[in-house]
Amino acid sequence: MGLVRAYPLALPVLAVLGLIISAWSLNPDDPNVCSHWESYAVTVQESYAHPFDQIYYTRCTDILNWFKCTRHRTSYKTAYRRGVRTMYRRRSQCCPGYFESGDLCVRECL
């Protein structure tokens, strides 16, 4: 059972939370903010050529089968599957020696 079927409001709530978090994030121009690349997985629907065995008949010299012979060939049809794609995004975080307080990086006291 998928998340959408179990919790029909889950996606809209997650979308709103994402907007709130992105609006309340660190300023990358702040000298106390460092950034790094982060990978994350995204589920995508992708198409592919699915092979199948196609049976066809042709004329031949087989008298017992009324001059018809069975032949096979591999044909392809478009099918769909779910796949996982790795994406990358830049993440901001406070540099070493600083901690996050709201949308600012504040120096740790020693």
Protein backbone atom coordinates (compact mmCIF):
# COMPACT_ATOMS: atom_id res chain seq x y z
CA MET A 1 0.00 0.00 0.00
CA GLY A 2 1.52 3.29 -1.07
CA LEU A 3 1.91 6.46 0.93
CA VAL A 4 -0.59 8.30 -1.29
CA ARG A 5 -3.29 5.67 -0.79
CA ALA A 6 -2.70 5.39 2.95
CA TYR A 7 -2.44 9.13 3.61
CA PRO A 8 -4.18 11.11 0.82
CA LEU A 9 -3.14 14.47 2.30
CA ALA A 10 0.50 13.48 2.77
CA LEU A 11 1.79 14.93 -0.52
CA PRO A 12 0.17 18.38 -0.17
CA VAL A 13 1.39 18.63 3.44
CA LEU A 14 4.92 17.63 2.43
CA ALA A 15 4.88 20.18 -0.40
CA VAL A 16 3.85 22.98 1.98
CA LEU A 17 6.55 21.93 4.47
CA GLY A 18 9.12 22.00 1.69
CA LEU A 19 8.12 25.56 0.78
CA ILE A 20 8.31 26.68 4.41
CA ILE A 21 11.73 25.10 4.91
CA SER A 22 13.11 26.52 1.65
CA ALA A 23 11.84 30.00 2.61
CA TRP A 24 13.52 29.68 6.01
CA SER A 25 16.99 28.57 5.02
CA LEU A 26 20.55 29.78 5.30
CA ASN A 27 21.80 32.55 3.06
CA PRO A 28 24.56 31.05 0.83
CA ASP A 29 26.21 34.51 0.57
CA ASP A 30 26.85 34.59 4.32
CA PRO A 31 30.59 34.01 4.93
CA ASN A 32 29.76 31.60 7.79
CA VAL A 33 27.70 29.35 5.51
CA CYS A 34 29.44 26.45 3.76
CA SER A 35 27.88 24.27 1.10
CA HIS A 36 28.32 20.74 -0.20
CA TRP A 37 26.80 18.56 -2.90
CA GLU A 38 24.30 15.96 -1.74
CA SER A 39 22.84 13.07 -3.71
CA TYR A 40 19.26 11.92 -3.40
CA ALA A 41 17.11 9.32 -5.12
CA VAL A 42 14.04 10.11 -7.21
CA THR A 43 11.54 7.50 -8.37
CA VAL A 44 10.68 8.00 -12.03
CA GLN A 45 8.52 6.19 -14.55
CA GLU A 46 10.55 5.18 -17.59
CA SER A 47 9.65 3.52 -20.87
CA TYR A 48 11.56 0.63 -22.39
CA ALA A 49 11.25 -1.84 -25.28
CA HIS A 50 9.77 -5.05 -23.88
CA PRO A 51 10.52 -8.09 -26.11
CA PHE A 52 7.86 -10.72 -26.76
CA ASP A 53 7.57 -13.78 -28.98
CA GLN A 54 5.26 -13.23 -31.94
CA ILE A 55 3.89 -16.26 -33.79
CA TYR A 56 3.07 -15.98 -37.49
CA TYR A 57 2.33 -18.39 -40.31
CA THR A 58 3.95 -18.66 -43.69
CA ARG A 59 3.54 -20.85 -46.77
CA CYS A 60 5.78 -23.88 -46.92
CA THR A 61 5.96 -27.39 -48.39
CA ASP A 62 4.37 -29.16 -45.40
CA ILE A 63 1.42 -31.04 -46.89
CA LEU A 64 0.19 -32.31 -43.50
CA ASN A 65 -0.40 -28.73 -42.28
CA TRP A 66 -2.04 -27.55 -45.49
CA PHE A 67 1.19 -25.85 -46.64
CA LYS A 68 1.27 -23.58 -43.58
CA CYS A 69 4.27 -23.44 -41.25
CA THR A 70 4.49 -21.74 -37.87
CA ARG A 71 7.29 -19.22 -37.43
CA HIS A 72 8.45 -17.13 -34.47
CA ARG A 73 9.99 -13.69 -34.33
CA THR A 74 10.91 -11.38 -31.50
CA SER A 75 8.90 -8.16 -31.53
CA TYR A 76 9.00 -5.25 -29.12
CA LYS A 77 6.34 -3.16 -27.48
CA THR A 78 6.67 -0.08 -25.31
CA ALA A 79 6.28 -0.87 -21.63
CA TYR A 80 6.72 1.20 -18.49
CA ARG A 81 8.50 0.56 -15.23
CA ARG A 82 9.54 2.48 -12.17
CA GLY A 83 13.17 3.32 -11.87
CA VAL A 84 15.36 5.18 -9.43
CA ARG A 85 17.43 8.10 -10.66
CA THR A 86 20.16 9.73 -8.59
CA MET A 87 19.98 13.53 -8.54
CA TYR A 88 22.30 16.07 -6.92
CA ARG A 89 21.64 19.31 -5.09
CA ARG A 90 23.75 21.86 -3.25
CA ARG A 91 23.04 22.02 0.47
CA SER A 92 23.95 24.90 2.75
CA GLN A 93 25.12 24.32 6.30
CA CYS A 94 27.00 26.28 8.91
CA CYS A 95 30.77 26.13 8.64
CA PRO A 96 32.76 24.36 11.39
CA GLY A 97 32.71 26.44 14.59
CA TYR A 98 29.21 27.82 13.89
CA PHE A 99 25.73 26.52 14.65
CA GLU A 100 22.40 27.22 12.99
CA SER A 101 19.97 29.52 14.77
CA GLY A 102 16.94 30.18 12.60
CA ASP A 103 18.30 31.34 9.28
CA LEU A 104 21.68 32.52 10.64
CA CYS A 105 24.97 30.84 11.51
CA VAL A 106 26.12 31.91 14.97
CA ARG A 107 29.65 31.41 16.30
CA GLU A 108 29.99 28.75 18.98
CA CYS A 109 31.34 30.06 22.27
CA LEU A 110 34.49 28.32 23.55
